[in-house]
Amino acid sequence: MKIGICGAQSTGKTTLLNSLHEREELNGYEYCVESTREIQRLGLNINEKGDDITQKMIMQHHVFNLSMYDDMIADRTVYDCMVYTDYLYHRNQVSEEMYQLIVKIFERFHTSYDIIFYIKPEFDIVEDGVRSDNRSFRDEIDYRFQQLLRDVPPNKIFILSGTVDERVQQLLSKLTTGI
């Protein structure tokens, strides 16, 4: 089963993924961690400063994960790349050619996930030196997520909220009761 966790920055996706890693019920799953930190370590632009190279590398990372692992849980998805690319494109930071490429890849792979868990912003942004601490940026990204996710079939998308433990329980409950 291919499980994606998506949402704006600083909503707890990676924290949730790390908590799931400890769950016996999910043995055998590959845990796919977002690539943004590695991209930043390479000296490339991320967040609201992203560009063609950044978005292409991030989408390649998602496609690789979807192509390599039958059972996976990812703390970012092709939905995330599409949302951030759309944001950057409308600010002239991503070219028309790259935008169209990302759209094409998104259209090809977004149905590859068996289930998507969306986390909306509930808490203040925690500065970590990597993710953007710009609240208006996060709000804009979250709005774009809500727009994009409207087209996901209701039986494939679930909203997680609450504490980390509550989110873990919500996710496990959805997985055990079936999609």
N, C-alpha and C. Protein backbone atom coordinates (compact mmCIF):
# COMPACT_ATOMS: atom_id res chain seq x y z
N MET A 1 0.84 -1.17 0.00
CA MET A 1 0.00 0.00 0.00
C MET A 1 0.88 1.24 0.00
N LYS A 2 0.51 2.20 -0.81
CA LYS A 2 1.25 3.46 -0.90
C LYS A 2 0.47 4.53 -0.14
N ILE A 3 1.09 5.03 0.93
CA ILE A 3 0.46 6.00 1.82
C ILE A 3 1.23 7.31 1.74
N GLY A 4 0.51 8.40 1.50
CA GLY A 4 1.13 9.71 1.45
C GLY A 4 0.59 10.60 2.55
N ILE A 5 1.48 11.35 3.17
CA ILE A 5 1.11 12.36 4.15
C ILE A 5 1.47 13.70 3.53
N CYS A 6 0.51 14.60 3.45
CA CYS A 6 0.79 15.89 2.79
C CYS A 6 0.27 17.05 3.62
N GLY A 7 0.73 18.23 3.27
CA GLY A 7 0.31 19.46 3.94
C GLY A 7 1.42 20.48 3.88
N ALA A 8 1.09 21.68 4.29
CA ALA A 8 2.06 22.77 4.29
C ALA A 8 3.20 22.48 5.26
N GLN A 9 4.22 23.32 5.20
CA GLN A 9 5.37 23.15 6.08
C GLN A 9 4.96 23.38 7.54
N SER A 10 5.66 22.69 8.42
CA SER A 10 5.50 22.84 9.86
C SER A 10 4.10 22.44 10.35
N THR A 11 3.59 21.33 9.81
CA THR A 11 2.31 20.81 10.29
C THR A 11 2.47 19.48 11.01
N GLY A 12 3.68 18.92 11.02
CA GLY A 12 3.92 17.69 11.77
C GLY A 12 4.00 16.43 10.94
N LYS A 13 4.23 16.56 9.64
CA LYS A 13 4.27 15.37 8.78
C LYS A 13 5.45 14.46 9.12
N THR A 14 6.63 15.01 9.25
CA THR A 14 7.81 14.21 9.55
C THR A 14 7.74 13.66 10.97
N THR A 15 7.24 14.44 11.90
CA THR A 15 7.05 13.97 13.27
C THR A 15 6.11 12.77 13.28
N LEU A 16 5.04 12.86 12.51
CA LEU A 16 4.10 11.73 12.40
C LEU A 16 4.79 10.52 11.79
N LEU A 17 5.53 10.73 10.71
CA LEU A 17 6.22 9.63 10.05
C LEU A 17 7.18 8.93 11.03
N ASN A 18 7.90 9.71 11.80
CA ASN A 18 8.83 9.13 12.78
C ASN A 18 8.08 8.32 13.83
N SER A 19 6.92 8.79 14.25
CA SER A 19 6.12 8.05 15.23
C SER A 19 5.56 6.76 14.64
N LEU A 20 5.21 6.79 13.37
CA LEU A 20 4.68 5.59 12.72
C LEU A 20 5.75 4.52 12.57
N HIS A 21 6.97 4.97 12.41
CA HIS A 21 8.10 4.05 12.22
C HIS A 21 8.21 3.07 13.39
N GLU A 22 7.79 3.50 14.55
CA GLU A 22 7.88 2.68 15.76
C GLU A 22 6.74 1.67 15.88
N ARG A 23 5.74 1.74 15.01
CA ARG A 23 4.54 0.91 15.13
C ARG A 23 4.74 -0.46 14.49
N GLU A 24 4.50 -1.48 15.27
CA GLU A 24 4.64 -2.85 14.81
C GLU A 24 3.67 -3.15 13.66
N GLU A 25 2.49 -2.52 13.69
CA GLU A 25 1.48 -2.76 12.66
C GLU A 25 1.95 -2.38 11.26
N LEU A 26 2.99 -1.56 11.21
CA LEU A 26 3.47 -1.06 9.92
C LEU A 26 4.83 -1.63 9.53
N ASN A 27 5.21 -2.74 10.15
CA ASN A 27 6.45 -3.41 9.75
C ASN A 27 6.37 -3.75 8.27
N GLY A 28 7.46 -3.62 7.58
CA GLY A 28 7.50 -3.94 6.16
C GLY A 28 7.30 -2.74 5.26
N TYR A 29 6.90 -1.62 5.82
CA TYR A 29 6.74 -0.40 5.02
C TYR A 29 8.08 0.32 4.90
N GLU A 30 8.29 0.90 3.74
CA GLU A 30 9.44 1.77 3.53
C GLU A 30 9.01 3.17 3.97
N TYR A 31 9.83 3.83 4.77
CA TYR A 31 9.53 5.18 5.24
C TYR A 31 10.31 6.17 4.39
N CYS A 32 9.60 6.95 3.62
CA CYS A 32 10.20 7.86 2.65
C CYS A 32 10.15 9.28 3.21
N VAL A 33 11.32 9.79 3.57
CA VAL A 33 11.43 11.12 4.17
C VAL A 33 11.61 12.16 3.08
N GLU A 34 11.00 13.33 3.30
CA GLU A 34 11.09 14.43 2.33
C GLU A 34 12.53 14.74 1.95
N SER A 35 12.69 15.33 0.79
CA SER A 35 14.03 15.57 0.24
C SER A 35 14.51 17.01 0.38
N THR A 36 13.68 17.88 0.93
CA THR A 36 14.01 19.31 0.95
C THR A 36 15.28 19.60 1.72
N ARG A 37 15.47 18.94 2.84
CA ARG A 37 16.68 19.20 3.64
C ARG A 37 17.95 18.83 2.87
N GLU A 38 17.90 17.72 2.17
CA GLU A 38 19.05 17.30 1.37
C GLU A 38 19.29 18.29 0.23
N ILE A 39 18.24 18.75 -0.37
CA ILE A 39 18.37 19.73 -1.46
C ILE A 39 18.99 21.03 -0.95
N GLN A 40 18.58 21.45 0.24
CA GLN A 40 19.18 22.65 0.83
C GLN A 40 20.67 22.43 1.12
N ARG A 41 21.01 21.23 1.60
CA ARG A 41 22.43 20.93 1.88
C ARG A 41 23.28 21.02 0.62
N LEU A 42 22.65 20.81 -0.53
CA LEU A 42 23.36 20.93 -1.81
C LEU A 42 23.53 22.39 -2.23
N GLY A 43 22.98 23.30 -1.44
CA GLY A 43 23.10 24.72 -1.74
C GLY A 43 22.02 25.25 -2.66
N LEU A 44 20.96 24.49 -2.83
CA LEU A 44 19.87 24.92 -3.73
C LEU A 44 18.78 25.66 -2.95
N ASN A 45 18.00 26.44 -3.69
CA ASN A 45 16.93 27.23 -3.09
C ASN A 45 15.74 26.35 -2.74
N ILE A 46 15.13 26.62 -1.58
CA ILE A 46 13.94 25.88 -1.16
C ILE A 46 12.89 26.86 -0.66
N ASN A 47 11.74 26.31 -0.29
CA ASN A 47 10.62 27.08 0.25
C ASN A 47 10.18 28.14 -0.75
N GLU A 48 9.93 29.36 -0.27
CA GLU A 48 9.42 30.42 -1.16
C GLU A 48 10.49 30.95 -2.12
N LYS A 49 11.70 30.42 -2.02
CA LYS A 49 12.77 30.80 -2.95
C LYS A 49 13.05 29.69 -3.97
N GLY A 50 12.21 28.65 -3.97
CA GLY A 50 12.40 27.52 -4.88
C GLY A 50 12.42 27.95 -6.34
N ASP A 51 12.91 27.05 -7.19
CA ASP A 51 13.03 27.36 -8.61
C ASP A 51 12.89 26.07 -9.43
N ASP A 52 13.19 26.15 -10.70
CA ASP A 52 13.05 25.00 -11.60
C ASP A 52 13.83 23.78 -11.09
N ILE A 53 15.08 24.00 -10.73
CA ILE A 53 15.93 22.89 -10.31
C ILE A 53 15.37 22.23 -9.05
N THR A 54 15.02 23.05 -8.08
CA THR A 54 14.48 22.53 -6.83
C THR A 54 13.24 21.68 -7.08
N GLN A 55 12.30 22.22 -7.82
CA GLN A 55 11.04 21.52 -8.02
C GLN A 55 11.22 20.23 -8.82
N LYS A 56 12.11 20.26 -9.79
CA LYS A 56 12.37 19.05 -10.57
C LYS A 56 12.98 17.96 -9.70
N MET A 57 13.93 18.33 -8.84
CA MET A 57 14.57 17.35 -7.97
C MET A 57 13.58 16.76 -6.96
N ILE A 58 12.72 17.61 -6.43
CA ILE A 58 11.74 17.14 -5.46
C ILE A 58 10.75 16.18 -6.13
N MET A 59 10.27 16.53 -7.31
CA MET A 59 9.33 15.64 -7.99
C MET A 59 10.00 14.32 -8.35
N GLN A 60 11.25 14.36 -8.77
CA GLN A 60 11.97 13.12 -9.07
C GLN A 60 12.05 12.23 -7.83
N HIS A 61 12.25 12.81 -6.70
CA HIS A 61 12.31 12.07 -5.43
C HIS A 61 10.99 11.34 -5.18
N HIS A 62 9.87 12.04 -5.36
CA HIS A 62 8.55 11.43 -5.14
C HIS A 62 8.28 10.30 -6.14
N VAL A 63 8.60 10.53 -7.39
CA VAL A 63 8.38 9.51 -8.42
C VAL A 63 9.26 8.29 -8.15
N PHE A 64 10.48 8.52 -7.73
CA PHE A 64 11.36 7.41 -7.38
C PHE A 64 10.72 6.55 -6.28
N ASN A 65 10.26 7.20 -5.22
CA ASN A 65 9.64 6.46 -4.11
C ASN A 65 8.42 5.67 -4.58
N LEU A 66 7.57 6.30 -5.36
CA LEU A 66 6.37 5.62 -5.85
C LEU A 66 6.72 4.44 -6.76
N SER A 67 7.79 4.57 -7.49
CA SER A 67 8.18 3.52 -8.43
C SER A 67 8.94 2.37 -7.77
N MET A 68 9.61 2.65 -6.67
CA MET A 68 10.48 1.65 -6.05
C MET A 68 9.79 0.78 -5.00
N TYR A 69 8.82 1.32 -4.30
CA TYR A 69 8.30 0.63 -3.12
C TYR A 69 6.82 0.31 -3.26
N ASP A 70 6.49 -0.95 -3.04
CA ASP A 70 5.08 -1.35 -3.06
C ASP A 70 4.37 -0.91 -1.79
N ASP A 71 5.05 -1.02 -0.66
CA ASP A 71 4.50 -0.61 0.63
C ASP A 71 5.36 0.52 1.17
N MET A 72 4.79 1.72 1.18
CA MET A 72 5.56 2.90 1.57
C MET A 72 4.67 3.89 2.30
N ILE A 73 5.32 4.68 3.13
CA ILE A 73 4.67 5.82 3.78
C ILE A 73 5.61 7.00 3.57
N ALA A 74 5.10 8.05 2.96
CA ALA A 74 5.92 9.22 2.64
C ALA A 74 5.38 10.46 3.36
N ASP A 75 6.30 11.27 3.89
CA ASP A 75 5.86 12.49 4.57
C ASP A 75 5.80 13.70 3.63
N ARG A 76 5.89 13.49 2.39
CA ARG A 76 5.62 14.45 1.32
C ARG A 76 5.18 13.64 0.12
N THR A 77 4.45 14.27 -0.79
CA THR A 77 3.87 13.56 -1.93
C THR A 77 4.00 14.40 -3.19
N VAL A 78 3.55 13.82 -4.31
CA VAL A 78 3.50 14.60 -5.55
C VAL A 78 2.51 15.75 -5.41
N TYR A 79 1.54 15.62 -4.50
CA TYR A 79 0.62 16.73 -4.23
C TYR A 79 1.39 17.92 -3.66
N ASP A 80 2.31 17.65 -2.75
CA ASP A 80 3.12 18.72 -2.17
C ASP A 80 3.92 19.44 -3.24
N CYS A 81 4.58 18.66 -4.10
CA CYS A 81 5.39 19.27 -5.16
C CYS A 81 4.51 20.11 -6.10
N MET A 82 3.33 19.61 -6.41
CA MET A 82 2.43 20.34 -7.29
C MET A 82 2.01 21.66 -6.65
N VAL A 83 1.65 21.64 -5.38
CA VAL A 83 1.21 22.85 -4.68
C VAL A 83 2.33 23.89 -4.64
N TYR A 84 3.52 23.48 -4.22
CA TYR A 84 4.62 24.43 -4.12
C TYR A 84 5.05 24.93 -5.49
N THR A 85 5.04 24.06 -6.49
CA THR A 85 5.39 24.49 -7.85
C THR A 85 4.38 25.50 -8.36
N ASP A 86 3.12 25.27 -8.11
CA ASP A 86 2.08 26.21 -8.52
C ASP A 86 2.30 27.57 -7.86
N TYR A 87 2.60 27.57 -6.58
CA TYR A 87 2.89 28.81 -5.86
C TYR A 87 4.06 29.55 -6.52
N LEU A 88 5.14 28.83 -6.76
CA LEU A 88 6.34 29.45 -7.34
C LEU A 88 6.12 29.91 -8.78
N TYR A 89 5.37 29.15 -9.54
CA TYR A 89 5.08 29.52 -10.92
C TYR A 89 4.32 30.84 -10.97
N HIS A 90 3.36 31.01 -10.10
CA HIS A 90 2.57 32.24 -10.10
C HIS A 90 3.33 33.44 -9.54
N ARG A 91 4.56 33.21 -9.11
CA ARG A 91 5.45 34.29 -8.69
C ARG A 91 6.65 34.40 -9.62
N ASN A 92 6.53 33.77 -10.79
CA ASN A 92 7.56 33.80 -11.84
C ASN A 92 8.91 33.25 -11.38
N GLN A 93 8.90 32.29 -10.48
CA GLN A 93 10.14 31.67 -10.03
C GLN A 93 10.35 30.29 -10.66
N VAL A 94 9.30 29.77 -11.27
CA VAL A 94 9.37 28.52 -12.01
C VAL A 94 8.92 28.82 -13.43
N SER A 95 9.66 28.32 -14.39
CA SER A 95 9.36 28.58 -15.80
C SER A 95 8.09 27.87 -16.24
N GLU A 96 7.54 28.35 -17.33
CA GLU A 96 6.36 27.71 -17.93
C GLU A 96 6.66 26.26 -18.28
N GLU A 97 7.84 26.01 -18.85
CA GLU A 97 8.22 24.66 -19.24
C GLU A 97 8.29 23.72 -18.03
N MET A 98 8.89 24.19 -16.94
CA MET A 98 9.00 23.35 -15.75
C MET A 98 7.62 23.14 -15.12
N TYR A 99 6.83 24.18 -15.09
CA TYR A 99 5.48 24.07 -14.54
C TYR A 99 4.69 23.01 -15.30
N GLN A 100 4.73 23.05 -16.62
CA GLN A 100 4.00 22.08 -17.43
C GLN A 100 4.54 20.66 -17.23
N LEU A 101 5.84 20.53 -17.06
CA LEU A 101 6.43 19.22 -16.79
C LEU A 101 5.93 18.68 -15.44
N ILE A 102 5.93 19.52 -14.42
CA ILE A 102 5.47 19.10 -13.09
C ILE A 102 3.99 18.72 -13.15
N VAL A 103 3.19 19.49 -13.86
CA VAL A 103 1.77 19.16 -14.01
C VAL A 103 1.61 17.79 -14.68
N LYS A 104 2.37 17.57 -15.73
CA LYS A 104 2.29 16.29 -16.45
C LYS A 104 2.68 15.11 -15.55
N ILE A 105 3.74 15.26 -14.80
CA ILE A 105 4.18 14.21 -13.89
C ILE A 105 3.14 14.01 -12.79
N PHE A 106 2.65 15.10 -12.25
CA PHE A 106 1.61 15.01 -11.22
C PHE A 106 0.40 14.24 -11.74
N GLU A 107 -0.07 14.59 -12.92
CA GLU A 107 -1.23 13.92 -13.50
C GLU A 107 -0.98 12.43 -13.69
N ARG A 108 0.23 12.07 -14.00
CA ARG A 108 0.58 10.66 -14.20
C ARG A 108 0.65 9.88 -12.89
N PHE A 109 1.13 10.52 -11.81
CA PHE A 109 1.45 9.77 -10.59
C PHE A 109 0.53 10.03 -9.39
N HIS A 110 -0.30 11.05 -9.40
CA HIS A 110 -1.06 11.36 -8.18
C HIS A 110 -2.03 10.25 -7.78
N THR A 111 -2.48 9.44 -8.74
CA THR A 111 -3.39 8.35 -8.40
C THR A 111 -2.64 7.10 -7.91
N SER A 112 -1.32 7.17 -7.84
CA SER A 112 -0.53 6.03 -7.38
C SER A 112 -0.68 5.77 -5.88
N TYR A 113 -1.09 6.79 -5.14
CA TYR A 113 -1.27 6.61 -3.70
C TYR A 113 -2.59 5.90 -3.44
N ASP A 114 -2.55 4.93 -2.55
CA ASP A 114 -3.77 4.25 -2.15
C ASP A 114 -4.59 5.10 -1.18
N ILE A 115 -3.88 5.89 -0.40
CA ILE A 115 -4.53 6.75 0.58
C ILE A 115 -3.65 7.96 0.85
N ILE A 116 -4.30 9.10 1.04
CA ILE A 116 -3.61 10.35 1.34
C ILE A 116 -4.11 10.87 2.68
N PHE A 117 -3.19 11.22 3.54
CA PHE A 117 -3.52 11.86 4.80
C PHE A 117 -3.05 13.30 4.73
N TYR A 118 -3.98 14.20 4.95
CA TYR A 118 -3.69 15.64 4.88
C TYR A 118 -3.66 16.20 6.29
N ILE A 119 -2.65 16.99 6.58
CA ILE A 119 -2.54 17.65 7.88
C ILE A 119 -2.61 19.15 7.65
N LYS A 120 -3.62 19.76 8.23
CA LYS A 120 -3.74 21.22 8.11
C LYS A 120 -2.97 21.89 9.24
N PRO A 121 -2.59 23.14 9.06
CA PRO A 121 -1.86 23.84 10.13
C PRO A 121 -2.73 23.98 11.38
N GLU A 122 -2.20 23.50 12.49
CA GLU A 122 -2.89 23.63 13.77
C GLU A 122 -2.03 24.32 14.82
N PHE A 123 -0.73 24.34 14.59
CA PHE A 123 0.20 24.83 15.60
C PHE A 123 1.07 25.93 15.00
N ASP A 124 1.75 26.66 15.87
CA ASP A 124 2.69 27.67 15.42
C ASP A 124 3.85 27.00 14.68
N ILE A 125 4.45 27.75 13.80
CA ILE A 125 5.62 27.27 13.06
C ILE A 125 6.81 27.19 14.01
N VAL A 126 7.51 26.08 13.96
CA VAL A 126 8.72 25.89 14.75
C VAL A 126 9.91 26.13 13.84
N GLU A 127 10.72 27.12 14.20
CA GLU A 127 11.90 27.42 13.39
C GLU A 127 12.93 26.31 13.55
N ASP A 128 13.44 25.85 12.42
CA ASP A 128 14.46 24.81 12.47
C ASP A 128 15.62 25.10 11.52
N GLY A 129 15.60 26.29 10.92
CA GLY A 129 16.68 26.66 10.01
C GLY A 129 16.51 26.12 8.60
N VAL A 130 15.47 25.32 8.36
CA VAL A 130 15.24 24.77 7.03
C VAL A 130 13.88 25.22 6.52
N ARG A 131 12.84 24.85 7.21
CA ARG A 131 11.49 25.22 6.74
C ARG A 131 11.27 26.71 6.91
N SER A 132 10.41 27.23 6.08
CA SER A 132 10.08 28.65 6.15
C SER A 132 9.27 28.92 7.40
N ASP A 133 9.57 30.04 8.06
CA ASP A 133 8.78 30.44 9.23
C ASP A 133 7.81 31.57 8.88
N ASN A 134 7.58 31.77 7.59
CA ASN A 134 6.68 32.80 7.10
C ASN A 134 5.24 32.29 7.17
N ARG A 135 4.47 32.82 8.10
CA ARG A 135 3.09 32.34 8.32
C ARG A 135 2.20 32.58 7.10
N SER A 136 2.33 33.73 6.45
CA SER A 136 1.47 34.00 5.28
C SER A 136 1.81 33.03 4.14
N PHE A 137 3.07 32.66 4.00
CA PHE A 137 3.47 31.66 3.01
C PHE A 137 2.80 30.32 3.33
N ARG A 138 2.86 29.90 4.59
CA ARG A 138 2.23 28.64 4.97
C ARG A 138 0.72 28.69 4.73
N ASP A 139 0.09 29.81 5.05
CA ASP A 139 -1.36 29.94 4.84
C ASP A 139 -1.71 29.84 3.36
N GLU A 140 -0.90 30.46 2.52
CA GLU A 140 -1.13 30.40 1.07
C GLU A 140 -0.95 28.98 0.55
N ILE A 141 0.08 28.30 1.03
CA ILE A 141 0.31 26.91 0.63
C ILE A 141 -0.85 26.04 1.09
N ASP A 142 -1.30 26.23 2.31
CA ASP A 142 -2.42 25.44 2.82
C ASP A 142 -3.68 25.67 1.99
N TYR A 143 -3.94 26.91 1.62
CA TYR A 143 -5.09 27.21 0.76
C TYR A 143 -4.98 26.44 -0.57
N ARG A 144 -3.80 26.43 -1.15
CA ARG A 144 -3.60 25.72 -2.41
C ARG A 144 -3.78 24.20 -2.24
N PHE A 145 -3.36 23.68 -1.09
CA PHE A 145 -3.62 22.26 -0.81
C PHE A 145 -5.11 21.99 -0.79
N GLN A 146 -5.85 22.81 -0.10
CA GLN A 146 -7.30 22.60 0.00
C GLN A 146 -7.95 22.62 -1.38
N GLN A 147 -7.49 23.48 -2.25
CA GLN A 147 -8.03 23.55 -3.61
C GLN A 147 -7.69 22.29 -4.39
N LEU A 148 -6.45 21.86 -4.34
CA LEU A 148 -6.01 20.69 -5.10
C LEU A 148 -6.66 19.40 -4.58
N LEU A 149 -6.79 19.28 -3.28
CA LEU A 149 -7.29 18.05 -2.68
C LEU A 149 -8.80 17.88 -2.82
N ARG A 150 -9.49 18.91 -3.27
CA ARG A 150 -10.95 18.80 -3.48
C ARG A 150 -11.28 17.73 -4.51
N ASP A 151 -10.37 17.46 -5.42
CA ASP A 151 -10.63 16.50 -6.50
C ASP A 151 -10.25 15.06 -6.14
N VAL A 152 -9.70 14.86 -4.96
CA VAL A 152 -9.34 13.50 -4.53
C VAL A 152 -10.62 12.80 -4.08
N PRO A 153 -10.85 11.57 -4.53
CA PRO A 153 -12.05 10.85 -4.09
C PRO A 153 -12.12 10.79 -2.56
N PRO A 154 -13.30 11.00 -2.00
CA PRO A 154 -13.45 11.07 -0.54
C PRO A 154 -12.97 9.82 0.20
N ASN A 155 -12.98 8.68 -0.45
CA ASN A 155 -12.52 7.46 0.22
C ASN A 155 -11.00 7.31 0.18
N LYS A 156 -10.30 8.27 -0.44
CA LYS A 156 -8.83 8.19 -0.52
C LYS A 156 -8.14 9.29 0.27
N ILE A 157 -8.89 10.26 0.79
CA ILE A 157 -8.28 11.39 1.50
C ILE A 157 -8.88 11.51 2.89
N PHE A 158 -7.99 11.69 3.87
CA PHE A 158 -8.44 11.82 5.24
C PHE A 158 -7.64 12.93 5.91
N ILE A 159 -8.31 13.71 6.72
CA ILE A 159 -7.68 14.81 7.44
C ILE A 159 -7.29 14.30 8.82
N LEU A 160 -6.04 14.54 9.20
CA LEU A 160 -5.55 14.18 10.52
C LEU A 160 -5.43 15.45 11.36
N SER A 161 -5.76 15.34 12.64
CA SER A 161 -5.63 16.50 13.52
C SER A 161 -5.34 16.04 14.93
N GLY A 162 -4.97 17.00 15.75
CA GLY A 162 -4.69 16.71 17.15
C GLY A 162 -3.23 16.50 17.43
N THR A 163 -2.98 15.87 18.57
CA THR A 163 -1.60 15.58 18.98
C THR A 163 -1.00 14.51 18.06
N VAL A 164 0.28 14.30 18.20
CA VAL A 164 0.95 13.26 17.40
C VAL A 164 0.31 11.91 17.67
N ASP A 165 0.09 11.59 18.94
CA ASP A 165 -0.53 10.31 19.28
C ASP A 165 -1.94 10.19 18.69
N GLU A 166 -2.70 11.26 18.73
CA GLU A 166 -4.04 11.23 18.14
C GLU A 166 -3.97 11.03 16.63
N ARG A 167 -3.03 11.66 16.00
CA ARG A 167 -2.86 11.49 14.55
C ARG A 167 -2.46 10.06 14.21
N VAL A 168 -1.56 9.50 14.99
CA VAL A 168 -1.15 8.11 14.78
C VAL A 168 -2.37 7.20 14.88
N GLN A 169 -3.18 7.40 15.91
CA GLN A 169 -4.36 6.55 16.10
C GLN A 169 -5.37 6.74 14.97
N GLN A 170 -5.57 7.97 14.52
CA GLN A 170 -6.49 8.22 13.40
C GLN A 170 -6.01 7.51 12.13
N LEU A 171 -4.72 7.62 11.85
CA LEU A 171 -4.15 6.99 10.67
C LEU A 171 -4.28 5.47 10.75
N LEU A 172 -3.88 4.89 11.87
CA LEU A 172 -3.97 3.45 12.02
C LEU A 172 -5.42 2.96 11.94
N SER A 173 -6.33 3.73 12.49
CA SER A 173 -7.74 3.36 12.44
C SER A 173 -8.23 3.31 10.99
N LYS A 174 -7.86 4.29 10.19
CA LYS A 174 -8.26 4.30 8.77
C LYS A 174 -7.67 3.12 8.02
N LEU A 175 -6.42 2.78 8.34
CA LEU A 175 -5.76 1.67 7.66
C LEU A 175 -6.36 0.33 8.05
N THR A 176 -6.75 0.18 9.30
CA THR A 176 -7.28 -1.11 9.74
C THR A 176 -8.74 -1.30 9.40
N THR A 177 -9.48 -0.20 9.22
CA THR A 177 -10.91 -0.33 8.87
C THR A 177 -11.10 -0.37 7.37
N GLY A 178 -10.01 -0.22 6.64
CA GLY A 178 -10.09 -0.27 5.18
C GLY A 178 -10.27 1.11 4.59
N ILE A 179 -9.92 1.21 3.35
CA ILE A 179 -9.98 2.50 2.65
C ILE A 179 -11.40 2.74 2.18
